[in-house]
Amino acid sequence: MTRTTAQPSQPLAAMHHDFLALAEVTTDHRAFQPEIIWGELQTADYIRATYERLRRVMDVTDEDIDAAVITRLARGRLLGQDNRAYHVLLGEHAITTVVGGADVMRAQLRHLTDRLDTPGLRLGIIPFGAELEATVPGGFAIYNRVRVGIDSLVGPQTVTEMPLVKRFTAMFDLLTQSAAYGPDARALIEAAHDRL
């Protein structure tokens, strides 16, 4: 496993551009985010609020936040384009935890609901109390079934060794068995919105 440690200021902004370049060449994207809305489905205000909170524990500049907003929105515009396939799993915690205040979260949940019918996107929500077929300590993304990205406070980690990539893919497949899709996922998102 190769680990790249994110550095403050411009290197963090450069990291966002690297993720955009990776998203542009990825046609089969799988992501699991148990605690926050997945990056490509985030609104600008949600992105900004997420990074403002990071300032409490990291050296995050205004340039870093601007780069995060620009590149994540650009990645989000790839959804539904060029026959790309996205299978995204969120924990119910991701849709019920308020980031940026109630107004920001309401807008984020409306955006998430609006994206449910995006061609090529399959969104699942793992409800609170669901019996999990597998457990994993945090989020990860699988790119074209040959690369895994893991975010952490020490920086992004990349896994390219195929036995480990296959392990993450198998973990993802098991997690899908606990998720709600379609109308059931929509109902969970709308219920989270209505509670705000």
C-alpha atoms as a PDB file:
ATOM      1  CA  MET A   1       0.000   0.000   0.000  1.00  0.00           C
ATOM      2  CA  THR A   2       1.280   3.433  -0.926  1.00  0.00           C
ATOM      3  CA  ARG A   3       0.457   6.357   1.285  1.00  0.00           C
ATOM      4  CA  THR A   4       0.671   9.969   0.181  1.00  0.00           C
ATOM      5  CA  THR A   5       0.459  12.492   2.978  1.00  0.00           C
ATOM      6  CA  ALA A   6      -1.462  15.659   2.215  1.00  0.00           C
ATOM      7  CA  GLN A   7       0.438  18.844   2.959  1.00  0.00           C
ATOM      8  CA  PRO A   8      -1.045  22.215   3.862  1.00  0.00           C
ATOM      9  CA  SER A   9      -1.917  24.972   1.392  1.00  0.00           C
ATOM     10  CA  GLN A  10      -1.165  24.492  -2.311  1.00  0.00           C
ATOM     11  CA  PRO A  11      -0.405  20.740  -2.144  1.00  0.00           C
ATOM     12  CA  LEU A  12      -3.894  20.175  -0.692  1.00  0.00           C
ATOM     13  CA  ALA A  13      -5.365  22.167  -3.570  1.00  0.00           C
ATOM     14  CA  ALA A  14      -3.214  20.157  -5.996  1.00  0.00           C
ATOM     15  CA  MET A  15      -4.572  16.957  -4.441  1.00  0.00           C
ATOM     16  CA  HIS A  16      -8.079  18.040  -5.442  1.00  0.00           C
ATOM     17  CA  HIS A  17      -6.942  18.536  -9.028  1.00  0.00           C
ATOM     18  CA  ASP A  18      -5.381  15.054  -8.965  1.00  0.00           C
ATOM     19  CA  PHE A  19      -8.735  13.594  -7.823  1.00  0.00           C
ATOM     20  CA  LEU A  20     -10.488  15.431 -10.655  1.00  0.00           C
ATOM     21  CA  ALA A  21      -8.036  13.961 -13.177  1.00  0.00           C
ATOM     22  CA  LEU A  22      -8.647  10.506 -11.711  1.00  0.00           C
ATOM     23  CA  ALA A  23     -12.431  10.978 -11.872  1.00  0.00           C
ATOM     24  CA  GLU A  24     -12.169  11.973 -15.525  1.00  0.00           C
ATOM     25  CA  VAL A  25     -10.562   8.639 -16.473  1.00  0.00           C
ATOM     26  CA  THR A  26     -12.723   6.476 -14.205  1.00  0.00           C
ATOM     27  CA  THR A  27     -15.681   4.770 -15.873  1.00  0.00           C
ATOM     28  CA  ASP A  28     -16.525   2.296 -13.064  1.00  0.00           C
ATOM     29  CA  HIS A  29     -16.650   4.107  -9.741  1.00  0.00           C
ATOM     30  CA  ARG A  30     -17.711   2.584  -6.426  1.00  0.00           C
ATOM     31  CA  ALA A  31     -17.692   4.540  -3.201  1.00  0.00           C
ATOM     32  CA  PHE A  32     -18.625   3.876   0.408  1.00  0.00           C
ATOM     33  CA  GLN A  33     -19.035   6.832   2.762  1.00  0.00           C
ATOM     34  CA  PRO A  34     -20.555   5.953   6.134  1.00  0.00           C
ATOM     35  CA  GLU A  35     -20.437   9.407   7.742  1.00  0.00           C
ATOM     36  CA  ILE A  36     -20.579  12.190   5.134  1.00  0.00           C
ATOM     37  CA  ILE A  37     -22.170  12.744   1.742  1.00  0.00           C
ATOM     38  CA  TRP A  38     -19.869  11.431  -0.993  1.00  0.00           C
ATOM     39  CA  GLY A  39     -17.838  14.187  -2.686  1.00  0.00           C
ATOM     40  CA  GLU A  40     -19.370  14.007  -6.164  1.00  0.00           C
ATOM     41  CA  LEU A  41     -22.858  14.415  -4.654  1.00  0.00           C
ATOM     42  CA  GLN A  42     -21.998  17.392  -2.438  1.00  0.00           C
ATOM     43  CA  THR A  43     -23.287  20.937  -2.944  1.00  0.00           C
ATOM     44  CA  ALA A  44     -20.911  23.906  -2.891  1.00  0.00           C
ATOM     45  CA  ASP A  45     -22.130  25.029   0.554  1.00  0.00           C
ATOM     46  CA  TYR A  46     -21.745  21.522   1.996  1.00  0.00           C
ATOM     47  CA  ILE A  47     -18.194  21.279   0.608  1.00  0.00           C
ATOM     48  CA  ARG A  48     -17.315  24.677   2.038  1.00  0.00           C
ATOM     49  CA  ALA A  49     -18.767  23.799   5.450  1.00  0.00           C
ATOM     50  CA  THR A  50     -16.860  20.497   5.514  1.00  0.00           C
ATOM     51  CA  TYR A  51     -13.545  22.219   4.868  1.00  0.00           C
ATOM     52  CA  GLU A  52     -14.254  25.092   7.264  1.00  0.00           C
ATOM     53  CA  ARG A  53     -14.538  22.457  10.005  1.00  0.00           C
ATOM     54  CA  LEU A  54     -11.219  20.956   8.951  1.00  0.00           C
ATOM     55  CA  ARG A  55      -9.545  24.277   9.799  1.00  0.00           C
ATOM     56  CA  ARG A  56      -9.932  23.273  13.451  1.00  0.00           C
ATOM     57  CA  VAL A  57      -7.476  20.385  13.049  1.00  0.00           C
ATOM     58  CA  MET A  58      -5.545  21.120   9.834  1.00  0.00           C
ATOM     59  CA  ASP A  59      -3.902  24.041   8.102  1.00  0.00           C
ATOM     60  CA  VAL A  60      -6.591  24.658   5.471  1.00  0.00           C
ATOM     61  CA  THR A  61      -6.402  27.860   3.432  1.00  0.00           C
ATOM     62  CA  ASP A  62      -9.053  29.752   1.510  1.00  0.00           C
ATOM     63  CA  GLU A  63      -7.322  28.510  -1.667  1.00  0.00           C
ATOM     64  CA  ASP A  64      -7.729  24.904  -0.466  1.00  0.00           C
ATOM     65  CA  ILE A  65     -11.436  25.438   0.107  1.00  0.00           C
ATOM     66  CA  ASP A  66     -11.921  27.145  -3.254  1.00  0.00           C
ATOM     67  CA  ALA A  67     -10.083  24.265  -4.984  1.00  0.00           C
ATOM     68  CA  ALA A  68     -12.240  21.727  -3.143  1.00  0.00           C
ATOM     69  CA  VAL A  69     -15.437  23.459  -4.246  1.00  0.00           C
ATOM     70  CA  ILE A  70     -14.364  23.879  -7.873  1.00  0.00           C
ATOM     71  CA  THR A  71     -13.015  20.366  -8.353  1.00  0.00           C
ATOM     72  CA  ARG A  72     -15.732  18.494  -6.453  1.00  0.00           C
ATOM     73  CA  LEU A  73     -18.428  20.290  -8.408  1.00  0.00           C
ATOM     74  CA  ALA A  74     -16.553  19.453 -11.622  1.00  0.00           C
ATOM     75  CA  ARG A  75     -16.387  15.797 -10.549  1.00  0.00           C
ATOM     76  CA  GLY A  76     -20.116  15.912  -9.817  1.00  0.00           C
ATOM     77  CA  ARG A  77     -20.816  17.138 -13.345  1.00  0.00           C
ATOM     78  CA  LEU A  78     -19.284  13.885 -14.664  1.00  0.00           C
ATOM     79  CA  LEU A  79     -22.216  11.905 -13.260  1.00  0.00           C
ATOM     80  CA  GLY A  80     -24.506  10.823 -16.060  1.00  0.00           C
ATOM     81  CA  GLN A  81     -21.856  11.547 -18.708  1.00  0.00           C
ATOM     82  CA  ASP A  82     -20.110   9.229 -21.188  1.00  0.00           C
ATOM     83  CA  ASN A  83     -21.660   5.992 -19.872  1.00  0.00           C
ATOM     84  CA  ARG A  84     -19.859   6.285 -16.539  1.00  0.00           C
ATOM     85  CA  ALA A  85     -21.147   3.938 -13.826  1.00  0.00           C
ATOM     86  CA  TYR A  86     -21.319   5.038 -10.183  1.00  0.00           C
ATOM     87  CA  HIS A  87     -22.396   2.791  -7.331  1.00  0.00           C
ATOM     88  CA  VAL A  88     -22.402   4.800  -4.112  1.00  0.00           C
ATOM     89  CA  LEU A  89     -23.197   3.601  -0.603  1.00  0.00           C
ATOM     90  CA  LEU A  90     -23.873   6.078   2.187  1.00  0.00           C
ATOM     91  CA  GLY A  91     -24.497   5.302   5.806  1.00  0.00           C
ATOM     92  CA  GLU A  92     -27.712   6.800   7.172  1.00  0.00           C
ATOM     93  CA  HIS A  93     -25.398   8.758   9.468  1.00  0.00           C
ATOM     94  CA  ALA A  94     -24.234  10.679   6.359  1.00  0.00           C
ATOM     95  CA  ILE A  95     -27.724  11.963   5.636  1.00  0.00           C
ATOM     96  CA  THR A  96     -28.703  12.719   9.233  1.00  0.00           C
ATOM     97  CA  THR A  97     -25.573  14.489  10.489  1.00  0.00           C
ATOM     98  CA  VAL A  98     -25.954  18.235  10.017  1.00  0.00           C
ATOM     99  CA  VAL A  99     -23.022  19.857   8.238  1.00  0.00           C
ATOM    100  CA  GLY A 100     -23.081  23.640   7.848  1.00  0.00           C
ATOM    101  CA  GLY A 101     -26.395  24.212   9.615  1.00  0.00           C
ATOM    102  CA  ALA A 102     -29.950  23.181   8.853  1.00  0.00           C
ATOM    103  CA  ASP A 103     -30.324  25.289   5.674  1.00  0.00           C
ATOM    104  CA  VAL A 104     -27.142  23.907   4.114  1.00  0.00           C
ATOM    105  CA  MET A 105     -28.158  20.375   5.035  1.00  0.00           C
ATOM    106  CA  ARG A 106     -31.692  20.757   3.683  1.00  0.00           C
ATOM    107  CA  ALA A 107     -30.287  21.976   0.354  1.00  0.00           C
ATOM    108  CA  GLN A 108     -27.794  19.117   0.342  1.00  0.00           C
ATOM    109  CA  LEU A 109     -30.518  16.527   0.899  1.00  0.00           C
ATOM    110  CA  ARG A 110     -32.712  18.082  -1.818  1.00  0.00           C
ATOM    111  CA  HIS A 111     -29.717  17.908  -4.172  1.00  0.00           C
ATOM    112  CA  LEU A 112     -29.168  14.268  -3.237  1.00  0.00           C
ATOM    113  CA  THR A 113     -32.827  13.479  -3.941  1.00  0.00           C
ATOM    114  CA  ASP A 114     -32.612  15.291  -7.291  1.00  0.00           C
ATOM    115  CA  ARG A 115     -29.597  13.187  -8.297  1.00  0.00           C
ATOM    116  CA  LEU A 116     -31.270   9.829  -7.563  1.00  0.00           C
ATOM    117  CA  ASP A 117     -32.458   9.467 -11.154  1.00  0.00           C
ATOM    118  CA  THR A 118     -29.111  10.400 -12.732  1.00  0.00           C
ATOM    119  CA  PRO A 119     -28.226   7.893 -15.476  1.00  0.00           C
ATOM    120  CA  GLY A 120     -25.445   5.578 -14.377  1.00  0.00           C
ATOM    121  CA  LEU A 121     -25.841   6.370 -10.666  1.00  0.00           C
ATOM    122  CA  ARG A 122     -26.946   3.685  -8.217  1.00  0.00           C
ATOM    123  CA  LEU A 123     -27.246   5.143  -4.723  1.00  0.00           C
ATOM    124  CA  GLY A 124     -27.785   2.986  -1.663  1.00  0.00           C
ATOM    125  CA  ILE A 125     -28.317   4.056   1.943  1.00  0.00           C
ATOM    126  CA  ILE A 126     -27.358   1.680   4.746  1.00  0.00           C
ATOM    127  CA  PRO A 127     -30.048   2.335   7.385  1.00  0.00           C
ATOM    128  CA  PHE A 128     -29.394   2.619  11.092  1.00  0.00           C
ATOM    129  CA  GLY A 129     -29.899  -0.787  12.627  1.00  0.00           C
ATOM    130  CA  ALA A 130     -29.261  -2.700   9.403  1.00  0.00           C
ATOM    131  CA  GLU A 131     -27.559  -6.028   9.907  1.00  0.00           C
ATOM    132  CA  LEU A 132     -24.208  -5.639   8.177  1.00  0.00           C
ATOM    133  CA  GLU A 133     -22.745  -8.466   6.148  1.00  0.00           C
ATOM    134  CA  ALA A 134     -19.341  -6.803   6.589  1.00  0.00           C
ATOM    135  CA  THR A 135     -17.841  -4.047   8.699  1.00  0.00           C
ATOM    136  CA  VAL A 136     -15.252  -1.517   7.669  1.00  0.00           C
ATOM    137  CA  PRO A 137     -13.868   1.353   9.787  1.00  0.00           C
ATOM    138  CA  GLY A 138     -14.199   4.109   7.176  1.00  0.00           C
ATOM    139  CA  GLY A 139     -14.970   5.204   3.668  1.00  0.00           C
ATOM    140  CA  PHE A 140     -13.192   4.207   0.485  1.00  0.00           C
ATOM    141  CA  ALA A 141     -13.550   4.478  -3.277  1.00  0.00           C
ATOM    142  CA  ILE A 142     -12.733   1.942  -5.989  1.00  0.00           C
ATOM    143  CA  TYR A 143     -11.633   3.264  -9.378  1.00  0.00           C
ATOM    144  CA  ASN A 144     -12.070   1.004 -12.428  1.00  0.00           C
ATOM    145  CA  ARG A 145     -11.596  -2.011 -10.125  1.00  0.00           C
ATOM    146  CA  VAL A 146      -7.811  -1.448 -10.154  1.00  0.00           C
ATOM    147  CA  ARG A 147      -7.261   1.274  -7.546  1.00  0.00           C
ATOM    148  CA  VAL A 148      -8.667   2.043  -4.094  1.00  0.00           C
ATOM    149  CA  GLY A 149      -8.550   5.443  -2.446  1.00  0.00           C
ATOM    150  CA  ILE A 150      -8.886   5.862   1.316  1.00  0.00           C
ATOM    151  CA  ASP A 151      -9.168   9.278   2.983  1.00  0.00           C
ATOM    152  CA  SER A 152      -7.868   9.969   6.459  1.00  0.00           C
ATOM    153  CA  LEU A 153      -6.517  12.832   8.542  1.00  0.00           C
ATOM    154  CA  VAL A 154      -2.968  11.802   7.631  1.00  0.00           C
ATOM    155  CA  GLY A 155      -3.793  12.188   3.952  1.00  0.00           C
ATOM    156  CA  PRO A 156      -5.064  10.040   1.135  1.00  0.00           C
ATOM    157  CA  GLN A 157      -3.903   6.476   0.795  1.00  0.00           C
ATOM    158  CA  THR A 158      -3.834   4.574  -2.485  1.00  0.00           C
ATOM    159  CA  VAL A 159      -4.023   0.798  -2.860  1.00  0.00           C
ATOM    160  CA  THR A 160      -3.109  -0.755  -6.213  1.00  0.00           C
ATOM    161  CA  GLU A 161      -2.063  -4.310  -5.279  1.00  0.00           C
ATOM    162  CA  MET A 162      -4.745  -6.470  -6.880  1.00  0.00           C
ATOM    163  CA  PRO A 163      -5.271  -8.867  -3.937  1.00  0.00           C
ATOM    164  CA  LEU A 164      -6.055  -5.848  -1.733  1.00  0.00           C
ATOM    165  CA  VAL A 165      -8.197  -4.182  -4.408  1.00  0.00           C
ATOM    166  CA  LYS A 166     -10.181  -7.429  -4.657  1.00  0.00           C
ATOM    167  CA  ARG A 167     -10.588  -7.433  -0.875  1.00  0.00           C
ATOM    168  CA  PHE A 168     -12.085  -3.923  -0.961  1.00  0.00           C
ATOM    169  CA  THR A 169     -14.315  -4.900  -3.893  1.00  0.00           C
ATOM    170  CA  ALA A 170     -15.581  -7.931  -1.973  1.00  0.00           C
ATOM    171  CA  MET A 171     -16.189  -5.721   1.085  1.00  0.00           C
ATOM    172  CA  PHE A 172     -18.147  -3.266  -1.056  1.00  0.00           C
ATOM    173  CA  ASP A 173     -20.249  -6.070  -2.526  1.00  0.00           C
ATOM    174  CA  LEU A 174     -21.100  -7.321   0.961  1.00  0.00           C
ATOM    175  CA  LEU A 175     -22.043  -3.821   2.135  1.00  0.00           C
ATOM    176  CA  THR A 176     -24.512  -3.456  -0.747  1.00  0.00           C
ATOM    177  CA  GLN A 177     -26.556  -6.277   0.776  1.00  0.00           C
ATOM    178  CA  SER A 178     -27.387  -4.021   3.740  1.00  0.00           C
ATOM    179  CA  ALA A 179     -28.388  -0.971   1.682  1.00  0.00           C
ATOM    180  CA  ALA A 180     -31.752   0.454   0.711  1.00  0.00           C
ATOM    181  CA  TYR A 181     -32.144   1.518  -2.928  1.00  0.00           C
ATOM    182  CA  GLY A 182     -34.681   3.301  -5.134  1.00  0.00           C
ATOM    183  CA  PRO A 183     -37.873   4.381  -3.341  1.00  0.00           C
ATOM    184  CA  ASP A 184     -36.545   3.092   0.000  1.00  0.00           C
ATOM    185  CA  ALA A 185     -33.393   5.228  -0.297  1.00  0.00           C
ATOM    186  CA  ARG A 186     -35.491   8.222  -1.358  1.00  0.00           C
ATOM    187  CA  ALA A 187     -37.730   7.741   1.701  1.00  0.00           C
ATOM    188  CA  LEU A 188     -34.714   7.739   4.025  1.00  0.00           C
ATOM    189  CA  ILE A 189     -33.353  10.953   2.481  1.00  0.00           C
ATOM    190  CA  GLU A 190     -36.741  12.675   2.586  1.00  0.00           C
ATOM    191  CA  ALA A 191     -37.251  11.639   6.210  1.00  0.00           C
ATOM    192  CA  ALA A 192     -33.851  13.102   7.121  1.00  0.00           C
ATOM    193  CA  HIS A 193     -34.813  16.318   5.319  1.00  0.00           C
ATOM    194  CA  ASP A 194     -38.169  16.531   7.094  1.00  0.00           C
ATOM    195  CA  ARG A 195     -36.518  16.162  10.522  1.00  0.00           C
ATOM    196  CA  LEU A 196     -34.422  19.319  10.011  1.00  0.00           C
END
